[in-house]
Amino acid sequence: MKQRMIALCMLLTLVFVFIPGCIDENPKEEEMTSKDIVVNETEFAEVMKEANTAYVKALVSTSRKDTSSSQIYIDELVEKLTYVSDTYGEAAPEMYATDKYWQTEIKRAVIIAEYSQEMLDEGDIEAAHEALEPMRDLFFGLHERNDVLHMGDHLTMFHMTMEETITAANENNTEMLTLFIPKMEEQWQDVKDAERPDSADASYDQSLAAVDTAIEMLNGSVETGNITQVQQDAGSLKLAFADVFSKYGVVIS
């Protein structure tokens, strides 16, 4: 699996390096082409919303080892992102209009989705799940660069720290745990302070509070030095976060 992920990273790096060069070869021609295309902002937003739904469900289904559902959602993800790349790659929507790497980024997103699809077709659902993870960082970077951060991006930042925390718990690295927990508390506050997503329902506040509780429990077990309890509480935190992400996570937009 590690070799496959390295191969994916190398492929994405090559795409990142070479595509911008191709784009910049004839800027005048690109400018003329972009002006001739009228961007349907409403359609773009809707397709990206559908792609995000497929992405979140693909993450959940692959983590649950549900091959049938994973196939449906990954295929849909590939379809939606390919459409966006083909339709809006050369003429970016307003939110990315000044981003010179927009076309490169959406092509990279397609490559990530296709690689996950390939891993699933080969029967390696765990690799398919891992292959989807770089999508978070890709869109987070895109949002951050264009100053369009939202709740989903704060979830992404929290997720990065949470994964490091879980690794530290599994390695019984108390020193790192004492550093990560305050950082998670701060990042989770950013999640709570972010604008409520359109999908927020009556259970929204309760779901977010469950993560607060999970962090507090983990902190308590770290203070007692009970490594078995620390690892159990780290697992509980991951489940509480997954519940929030599966309902309200927005990565692709």
C-alpha atoms as a PDB file:
ATOM      1  CA  MET A   1       0.000   0.000   0.000  1.00  0.00           C
ATOM      2  CA  LYS A   2       2.866   2.368   0.887  1.00  0.00           C
ATOM      3  CA  GLN A   3       4.407   1.883  -2.555  1.00  0.00           C
ATOM      4  CA  ARG A   4       1.048   2.618  -4.183  1.00  0.00           C
ATOM      5  CA  MET A   5       0.631   5.825  -2.216  1.00  0.00           C
ATOM      6  CA  ILE A   6       4.172   6.883  -3.150  1.00  0.00           C
ATOM      7  CA  ALA A   7       3.333   6.231  -6.797  1.00  0.00           C
ATOM      8  CA  LEU A   8       0.212   8.381  -6.491  1.00  0.00           C
ATOM      9  CA  CYS A   9       2.182  11.213  -4.869  1.00  0.00           C
ATOM     10  CA  MET A  10       4.785  11.077  -7.637  1.00  0.00           C
ATOM     11  CA  LEU A  11       2.082  11.153 -10.301  1.00  0.00           C
ATOM     12  CA  LEU A  12       0.377  14.132  -8.680  1.00  0.00           C
ATOM     13  CA  THR A  13       3.710  15.922  -8.420  1.00  0.00           C
ATOM     14  CA  LEU A  14       4.369  15.438 -12.127  1.00  0.00           C
ATOM     15  CA  VAL A  15       0.920  16.727 -12.980  1.00  0.00           C
ATOM     16  CA  PHE A  16       1.473  19.755 -10.762  1.00  0.00           C
ATOM     17  CA  VAL A  17       4.831  20.503 -12.403  1.00  0.00           C
ATOM     18  CA  PHE A  18       3.989  20.012 -16.056  1.00  0.00           C
ATOM     19  CA  ILE A  19       0.419  21.181 -16.467  1.00  0.00           C
ATOM     20  CA  PRO A  20       1.098  24.794 -15.370  1.00  0.00           C
ATOM     21  CA  GLY A  21       3.871  24.952 -17.955  1.00  0.00           C
ATOM     22  CA  CYS A  22       1.462  23.881 -20.643  1.00  0.00           C
ATOM     23  CA  ILE A  23      -1.085  26.414 -19.484  1.00  0.00           C
ATOM     24  CA  ASP A  24       1.411  29.285 -19.504  1.00  0.00           C
ATOM     25  CA  GLU A  25       2.838  28.561 -22.971  1.00  0.00           C
ATOM     26  CA  ASN A  26       0.225  30.669 -24.697  1.00  0.00           C
ATOM     27  CA  PRO A  27      -1.445  32.954 -22.141  1.00  0.00           C
ATOM     28  CA  LYS A  28      -3.010  35.195 -24.775  1.00  0.00           C
ATOM     29  CA  GLU A  29      -4.851  32.281 -26.360  1.00  0.00           C
ATOM     30  CA  GLU A  30      -6.047  31.067 -22.947  1.00  0.00           C
ATOM     31  CA  GLU A  31      -7.303  34.557 -22.053  1.00  0.00           C
ATOM     32  CA  MET A  32      -9.312  34.752 -25.262  1.00  0.00           C
ATOM     33  CA  THR A  33     -10.776  31.279 -24.712  1.00  0.00           C
ATOM     34  CA  SER A  34     -11.782  32.057 -21.131  1.00  0.00           C
ATOM     35  CA  LYS A  35     -13.538  35.255 -22.157  1.00  0.00           C
ATOM     36  CA  ASP A  36     -15.572  33.384 -24.728  1.00  0.00           C
ATOM     37  CA  ILE A  37     -16.926  30.972 -22.113  1.00  0.00           C
ATOM     38  CA  VAL A  38     -19.763  32.014 -19.824  1.00  0.00           C
ATOM     39  CA  VAL A  39     -19.454  30.197 -16.512  1.00  0.00           C
ATOM     40  CA  ASN A  40     -22.698  28.790 -15.160  1.00  0.00           C
ATOM     41  CA  GLU A  41     -22.056  29.514 -11.488  1.00  0.00           C
ATOM     42  CA  THR A  42     -25.265  27.828 -10.350  1.00  0.00           C
ATOM     43  CA  GLU A  43     -24.477  24.603 -12.168  1.00  0.00           C
ATOM     44  CA  PHE A  44     -20.883  24.664 -10.958  1.00  0.00           C
ATOM     45  CA  ALA A  45     -21.989  24.971  -7.326  1.00  0.00           C
ATOM     46  CA  GLU A  46     -24.510  22.156  -7.719  1.00  0.00           C
ATOM     47  CA  VAL A  47     -22.067  19.746  -9.363  1.00  0.00           C
ATOM     48  CA  MET A  48     -19.427  20.466  -6.727  1.00  0.00           C
ATOM     49  CA  LYS A  49     -22.012  19.823  -4.013  1.00  0.00           C
ATOM     50  CA  GLU A  50     -22.830  16.470  -5.639  1.00  0.00           C
ATOM     51  CA  ALA A  51     -19.112  15.670  -5.890  1.00  0.00           C
ATOM     52  CA  ASN A  52     -18.657  16.480  -2.204  1.00  0.00           C
ATOM     53  CA  THR A  53     -21.557  14.214  -1.222  1.00  0.00           C
ATOM     54  CA  ALA A  54     -20.024  11.399  -3.265  1.00  0.00           C
ATOM     55  CA  TYR A  55     -16.619  12.032  -1.687  1.00  0.00           C
ATOM     56  CA  VAL A  56     -17.875  11.966   1.901  1.00  0.00           C
ATOM     57  CA  LYS A  57     -19.920   8.816   1.269  1.00  0.00           C
ATOM     58  CA  ALA A  58     -16.951   7.185  -0.489  1.00  0.00           C
ATOM     59  CA  LEU A  59     -14.748   7.886   2.535  1.00  0.00           C
ATOM     60  CA  VAL A  60     -17.330   6.438   4.909  1.00  0.00           C
ATOM     61  CA  SER A  61     -18.124   3.359   2.821  1.00  0.00           C
ATOM     62  CA  THR A  62     -14.461   2.506   2.178  1.00  0.00           C
ATOM     63  CA  SER A  63     -13.648   2.879   5.875  1.00  0.00           C
ATOM     64  CA  ARG A  64     -16.500   0.454   6.618  1.00  0.00           C
ATOM     65  CA  LYS A  65     -15.198  -1.968   3.967  1.00  0.00           C
ATOM     66  CA  ASP A  66     -18.513  -1.705   2.086  1.00  0.00           C
ATOM     67  CA  THR A  67     -17.330  -2.556  -1.423  1.00  0.00           C
ATOM     68  CA  SER A  68     -20.696  -2.208  -3.157  1.00  0.00           C
ATOM     69  CA  SER A  69     -21.422   1.285  -1.831  1.00  0.00           C
ATOM     70  CA  SER A  70     -17.813   2.339  -2.303  1.00  0.00           C
ATOM     71  CA  GLN A  71     -17.987   1.435  -5.981  1.00  0.00           C
ATOM     72  CA  ILE A  72     -21.104   3.548  -6.472  1.00  0.00           C
ATOM     73  CA  TYR A  73     -19.764   6.632  -4.714  1.00  0.00           C
ATOM     74  CA  ILE A  74     -16.227   6.534  -6.110  1.00  0.00           C
ATOM     75  CA  ASP A  75     -17.582   6.109  -9.639  1.00  0.00           C
ATOM     76  CA  GLU A  76     -19.858   9.093  -9.059  1.00  0.00           C
ATOM     77  CA  LEU A  77     -16.965  11.118  -7.669  1.00  0.00           C
ATOM     78  CA  VAL A  78     -14.876  10.415 -10.759  1.00  0.00           C
ATOM     79  CA  GLU A  79     -17.810  11.331 -13.007  1.00  0.00           C
ATOM     80  CA  LYS A  80     -18.567  14.642 -11.257  1.00  0.00           C
ATOM     81  CA  LEU A  81     -14.966  15.808 -10.999  1.00  0.00           C
ATOM     82  CA  THR A  82     -14.246  14.855 -14.606  1.00  0.00           C
ATOM     83  CA  TYR A  83     -17.247  16.923 -15.690  1.00  0.00           C
ATOM     84  CA  VAL A  84     -16.016  19.915 -13.681  1.00  0.00           C
ATOM     85  CA  SER A  85     -12.519  19.575 -15.110  1.00  0.00           C
ATOM     86  CA  ASP A  86     -13.786  19.286 -18.700  1.00  0.00           C
ATOM     87  CA  THR A  87     -16.390  22.032 -18.368  1.00  0.00           C
ATOM     88  CA  TYR A  88     -14.776  24.572 -16.044  1.00  0.00           C
ATOM     89  CA  GLY A  89     -11.078  23.751 -16.189  1.00  0.00           C
ATOM     90  CA  GLU A  90     -10.214  26.472 -18.686  1.00  0.00           C
ATOM     91  CA  ALA A  91     -12.796  28.977 -17.451  1.00  0.00           C
ATOM     92  CA  ALA A  92     -12.790  29.080 -13.677  1.00  0.00           C
ATOM     93  CA  PRO A  93     -15.860  30.051 -11.661  1.00  0.00           C
ATOM     94  CA  GLU A  94     -15.795  33.386  -9.860  1.00  0.00           C
ATOM     95  CA  MET A  95     -14.409  32.070  -6.565  1.00  0.00           C
ATOM     96  CA  TYR A  96     -11.307  30.717  -8.364  1.00  0.00           C
ATOM     97  CA  ALA A  97     -11.096  33.237 -11.193  1.00  0.00           C
ATOM     98  CA  THR A  98      -7.728  34.642 -10.076  1.00  0.00           C
ATOM     99  CA  ASP A  99      -6.162  31.291  -9.176  1.00  0.00           C
ATOM    100  CA  LYS A 100      -3.646  30.430 -11.872  1.00  0.00           C
ATOM    101  CA  TYR A 101      -3.467  26.817 -10.644  1.00  0.00           C
ATOM    102  CA  TRP A 102      -7.204  26.126 -10.702  1.00  0.00           C
ATOM    103  CA  GLN A 103      -7.032  23.999 -13.851  1.00  0.00           C
ATOM    104  CA  THR A 104      -4.089  22.036 -12.466  1.00  0.00           C
ATOM    105  CA  GLU A 105      -5.821  21.431  -9.149  1.00  0.00           C
ATOM    106  CA  ILE A 106      -9.069  20.122 -10.595  1.00  0.00           C
ATOM    107  CA  LYS A 107      -7.103  17.776 -12.855  1.00  0.00           C
ATOM    108  CA  ARG A 108      -5.207  16.524  -9.805  1.00  0.00           C
ATOM    109  CA  ALA A 109      -8.530  15.932  -8.047  1.00  0.00           C
ATOM    110  CA  VAL A 110      -9.651  13.741 -10.949  1.00  0.00           C
ATOM    111  CA  ILE A 111      -6.390  11.767 -10.765  1.00  0.00           C
ATOM    112  CA  ILE A 112      -6.881  11.161  -7.035  1.00  0.00           C
ATOM    113  CA  ALA A 113     -10.425   9.906  -7.586  1.00  0.00           C
ATOM    114  CA  GLU A 114      -9.385   7.696 -10.500  1.00  0.00           C
ATOM    115  CA  TYR A 115      -6.551   6.188  -8.489  1.00  0.00           C
ATOM    116  CA  SER A 116      -8.948   5.322  -5.669  1.00  0.00           C
ATOM    117  CA  GLN A 117     -11.245   3.782  -8.265  1.00  0.00           C
ATOM    118  CA  GLU A 118      -8.344   1.720  -9.610  1.00  0.00           C
ATOM    119  CA  MET A 119      -7.445   0.446  -6.136  1.00  0.00           C
ATOM    120  CA  LEU A 120     -11.045  -0.571  -5.505  1.00  0.00           C
ATOM    121  CA  ASP A 121     -11.220  -2.354  -8.873  1.00  0.00           C
ATOM    122  CA  GLU A 122      -8.132  -4.315  -7.799  1.00  0.00           C
ATOM    123  CA  GLY A 123      -9.941  -5.393  -4.649  1.00  0.00           C
ATOM    124  CA  ASP A 124      -7.937  -3.291  -2.191  1.00  0.00           C
ATOM    125  CA  ILE A 125     -10.595  -1.229  -0.419  1.00  0.00           C
ATOM    126  CA  GLU A 126      -8.183  -0.049   2.264  1.00  0.00           C
ATOM    127  CA  ALA A 127      -5.894   1.395  -0.400  1.00  0.00           C
ATOM    128  CA  ALA A 128      -8.940   2.940  -2.072  1.00  0.00           C
ATOM    129  CA  HIS A 129      -9.765   4.704   1.183  1.00  0.00           C
ATOM    130  CA  GLU A 130      -6.204   5.932   1.719  1.00  0.00           C
ATOM    131  CA  ALA A 131      -6.043   7.153  -1.873  1.00  0.00           C
ATOM    132  CA  LEU A 132      -8.991   9.485  -1.229  1.00  0.00           C
ATOM    133  CA  GLU A 133      -7.338  11.265   1.703  1.00  0.00           C
ATOM    134  CA  PRO A 134      -5.183  13.716  -0.357  1.00  0.00           C
ATOM    135  CA  MET A 135      -8.407  15.235  -1.698  1.00  0.00           C
ATOM    136  CA  ARG A 136      -8.874  17.013   1.660  1.00  0.00           C
ATOM    137  CA  ASP A 137      -5.513  18.741   1.486  1.00  0.00           C
ATOM    138  CA  LEU A 138      -5.943  19.641  -2.186  1.00  0.00           C
ATOM    139  CA  PHE A 139      -9.203  21.505  -1.687  1.00  0.00           C
ATOM    140  CA  PHE A 140      -8.104  22.950   1.641  1.00  0.00           C
ATOM    141  CA  GLY A 141      -5.108  24.516  -0.120  1.00  0.00           C
ATOM    142  CA  LEU A 142      -7.349  25.769  -2.902  1.00  0.00           C
ATOM    143  CA  HIS A 143      -9.790  27.338  -0.427  1.00  0.00           C
ATOM    144  CA  GLU A 144      -7.050  28.847   1.731  1.00  0.00           C
ATOM    145  CA  ARG A 145      -5.278  30.357  -1.266  1.00  0.00           C
ATOM    146  CA  ASN A 146      -8.493  32.001  -2.456  1.00  0.00           C
ATOM    147  CA  ASP A 147      -9.722  33.059   1.002  1.00  0.00           C
ATOM    148  CA  VAL A 148     -12.888  30.946   0.929  1.00  0.00           C
ATOM    149  CA  LEU A 149     -12.401  28.874   4.093  1.00  0.00           C
ATOM    150  CA  HIS A 150     -15.565  27.349   5.584  1.00  0.00           C
ATOM    151  CA  MET A 151     -16.524  24.839   8.266  1.00  0.00           C
ATOM    152  CA  GLY A 152     -15.354  21.915   6.157  1.00  0.00           C
ATOM    153  CA  ASP A 153     -11.855  23.373   5.993  1.00  0.00           C
ATOM    154  CA  HIS A 154     -11.742  23.717   9.768  1.00  0.00           C
ATOM    155  CA  LEU A 155     -12.825  20.068   9.940  1.00  0.00           C
ATOM    156  CA  THR A 156      -9.899  19.227   7.666  1.00  0.00           C
ATOM    157  CA  MET A 157      -7.431  21.062   9.921  1.00  0.00           C
ATOM    158  CA  PHE A 158      -8.842  19.301  12.982  1.00  0.00           C
ATOM    159  CA  HIS A 159      -8.660  15.954  11.197  1.00  0.00           C
ATOM    160  CA  MET A 160      -4.938  16.418  10.520  1.00  0.00           C
ATOM    161  CA  THR A 161      -4.215  17.016  14.207  1.00  0.00           C
ATOM    162  CA  MET A 162      -6.578  14.254  15.301  1.00  0.00           C
ATOM    163  CA  GLU A 163      -4.764  11.687  13.155  1.00  0.00           C
ATOM    164  CA  GLU A 164      -1.434  12.752  14.673  1.00  0.00           C
ATOM    165  CA  THR A 165      -3.004  12.465  18.122  1.00  0.00           C
ATOM    166  CA  ILE A 166      -4.265   8.941  17.439  1.00  0.00           C
ATOM    167  CA  THR A 167      -0.809   7.933  16.199  1.00  0.00           C
ATOM    168  CA  ALA A 168       0.756   9.350  19.376  1.00  0.00           C
ATOM    169  CA  ALA A 169      -1.792   7.444  21.481  1.00  0.00           C
ATOM    170  CA  ASN A 170      -1.016   4.168  19.712  1.00  0.00           C
ATOM    171  CA  GLU A 171       2.701   4.794  20.256  1.00  0.00           C
ATOM    172  CA  ASN A 172       2.176   5.747  23.906  1.00  0.00           C
ATOM    173  CA  ASN A 173       3.824   9.108  23.201  1.00  0.00           C
ATOM    174  CA  THR A 174       2.530  11.110  26.153  1.00  0.00           C
ATOM    175  CA  GLU A 175       4.704  14.128  25.392  1.00  0.00           C
ATOM    176  CA  MET A 176       3.150  14.584  21.946  1.00  0.00           C
ATOM    177  CA  LEU A 177      -0.344  13.949  23.297  1.00  0.00           C
ATOM    178  CA  THR A 178       0.005  16.816  25.754  1.00  0.00           C
ATOM    179  CA  LEU A 179       0.864  19.065  22.798  1.00  0.00           C
ATOM    180  CA  PHE A 180      -1.846  17.837  20.424  1.00  0.00           C
ATOM    181  CA  ILE A 181      -4.816  17.965  22.793  1.00  0.00           C
ATOM    182  CA  PRO A 182      -4.743  21.769  23.356  1.00  0.00           C
ATOM    183  CA  LYS A 183      -4.306  22.209  19.604  1.00  0.00           C
ATOM    184  CA  MET A 184      -7.361  20.032  18.948  1.00  0.00           C
ATOM    185  CA  GLU A 185      -9.389  22.032  21.463  1.00  0.00           C
ATOM    186  CA  GLU A 186      -8.483  25.256  19.656  1.00  0.00           C
ATOM    187  CA  GLN A 187      -9.203  23.838  16.220  1.00  0.00           C
ATOM    188  CA  TRP A 188     -12.512  22.369  17.319  1.00  0.00           C
ATOM    189  CA  GLN A 189     -13.522  25.782  18.631  1.00  0.00           C
ATOM    190  CA  ASP A 190     -12.848  27.111  15.120  1.00  0.00           C
ATOM    191  CA  VAL A 191     -15.218  24.454  13.773  1.00  0.00           C
ATOM    192  CA  LYS A 192     -17.930  25.540  16.208  1.00  0.00           C
ATOM    193  CA  ASP A 193     -17.364  29.216  15.403  1.00  0.00           C
ATOM    194  CA  ALA A 194     -17.613  28.664  11.644  1.00  0.00           C
ATOM    195  CA  GLU A 195     -20.808  29.404   9.760  1.00  0.00           C
ATOM    196  CA  ARG A 196     -23.318  26.596  10.161  1.00  0.00           C
ATOM    197  CA  PRO A 197     -23.568  24.475   7.005  1.00  0.00           C
ATOM    198  CA  ASP A 198     -26.830  24.392   5.071  1.00  0.00           C
ATOM    199  CA  SER A 199     -27.200  20.733   6.011  1.00  0.00           C
ATOM    200  CA  ALA A 200     -27.210  21.462   9.759  1.00  0.00           C
ATOM    201  CA  ASP A 201     -30.193  19.855  11.480  1.00  0.00           C
ATOM    202  CA  ALA A 202     -31.538  19.487  15.014  1.00  0.00           C
ATOM    203  CA  SER A 203     -28.660  17.166  15.968  1.00  0.00           C
ATOM    204  CA  TYR A 204     -25.940  19.566  14.798  1.00  0.00           C
ATOM    205  CA  ASP A 205     -24.998  21.080  18.175  1.00  0.00           C
ATOM    206  CA  GLN A 206     -25.248  17.698  19.876  1.00  0.00           C
ATOM    207  CA  SER A 207     -22.888  16.114  17.334  1.00  0.00           C
ATOM    208  CA  LEU A 208     -20.320  18.858  17.825  1.00  0.00           C
ATOM    209  CA  ALA A 209     -20.648  18.598  21.609  1.00  0.00           C
ATOM    210  CA  ALA A 210     -19.897  14.866  21.383  1.00  0.00           C
ATOM    211  CA  VAL A 211     -16.468  15.700  19.975  1.00  0.00           C
ATOM    212  CA  ASP A 212     -15.875  18.175  22.815  1.00  0.00           C
ATOM    213  CA  THR A 213     -16.687  15.417  25.279  1.00  0.00           C
ATOM    214  CA  ALA A 214     -14.413  12.941  23.487  1.00  0.00           C
ATOM    215  CA  ILE A 215     -11.490  15.382  23.651  1.00  0.00           C
ATOM    216  CA  GLU A 216     -12.103  15.947  27.379  1.00  0.00           C
ATOM    217  CA  MET A 217     -12.185  12.205  28.032  1.00  0.00           C
ATOM    218  CA  LEU A 218      -8.952  11.687  26.108  1.00  0.00           C
ATOM    219  CA  ASN A 219      -7.286  14.482  28.050  1.00  0.00           C
ATOM    220  CA  GLY A 220      -8.412  12.907  31.323  1.00  0.00           C
ATOM    221  CA  SER A 221      -7.040   9.493  30.427  1.00  0.00           C
ATOM    222  CA  VAL A 222      -3.724  11.050  29.340  1.00  0.00           C
ATOM    223  CA  GLU A 223      -3.452  12.743  32.734  1.00  0.00           C
ATOM    224  CA  THR A 224      -4.004   9.429  34.525  1.00  0.00           C
ATOM    225  CA  GLY A 225      -1.354   7.715  32.388  1.00  0.00           C
ATOM    226  CA  ASN A 226      -3.586   4.736  31.586  1.00  0.00           C
ATOM    227  CA  ILE A 227      -2.367   3.909  28.086  1.00  0.00           C
ATOM    228  CA  THR A 228      -5.109   1.354  27.438  1.00  0.00           C
ATOM    229  CA  GLN A 229      -7.751   3.945  28.257  1.00  0.00           C
ATOM    230  CA  VAL A 230      -5.889   6.565  26.212  1.00  0.00           C
ATOM    231  CA  GLN A 231      -6.057   4.361  23.126  1.00  0.00           C
ATOM    232  CA  GLN A 232      -9.736   3.574  23.700  1.00  0.00           C
ATOM    233  CA  ASP A 233     -10.574   7.253  24.120  1.00  0.00           C
ATOM    234  CA  ALA A 234      -8.591   8.135  20.993  1.00  0.00           C
ATOM    235  CA  GLY A 235     -10.720   5.616  19.095  1.00  0.00           C
ATOM    236  CA  SER A 236     -13.894   7.146  20.550  1.00  0.00           C
ATOM    237  CA  LEU A 237     -12.757  10.590  19.422  1.00  0.00           C
ATOM    238  CA  LYS A 238     -12.277   9.339  15.887  1.00  0.00           C
ATOM    239  CA  LEU A 239     -15.804   7.903  15.852  1.00  0.00           C
ATOM    240  CA  ALA A 240     -17.319  11.126  17.216  1.00  0.00           C
ATOM    241  CA  PHE A 241     -15.500  13.134  14.540  1.00  0.00           C
ATOM    242  CA  ALA A 242     -16.555  10.705  11.804  1.00  0.00           C
ATOM    243  CA  ASP A 243     -20.191  11.224  12.809  1.00  0.00           C
ATOM    244  CA  VAL A 244     -19.853  14.997  12.358  1.00  0.00           C
ATOM    245  CA  PHE A 245     -17.913  14.681   9.101  1.00  0.00           C
ATOM    246  CA  SER A 246     -20.313  12.175   7.551  1.00  0.00           C
ATOM    247  CA  LYS A 247     -23.240  14.551   8.212  1.00  0.00           C
ATOM    248  CA  TYR A 248     -21.743  17.996   7.670  1.00  0.00           C
ATOM    249  CA  GLY A 249     -18.325  17.624   6.077  1.00  0.00           C
ATOM    250  CA  VAL A 250     -17.670  19.833   3.067  1.00  0.00           C
ATOM    251  CA  VAL A 251     -14.355  19.248   1.335  1.00  0.00           C
ATOM    252  CA  ILE A 252     -15.165  19.804  -2.321  1.00  0.00           C
ATOM    253  CA  SER A 253     -16.629  23.216  -3.214  1.00  0.00           C
END
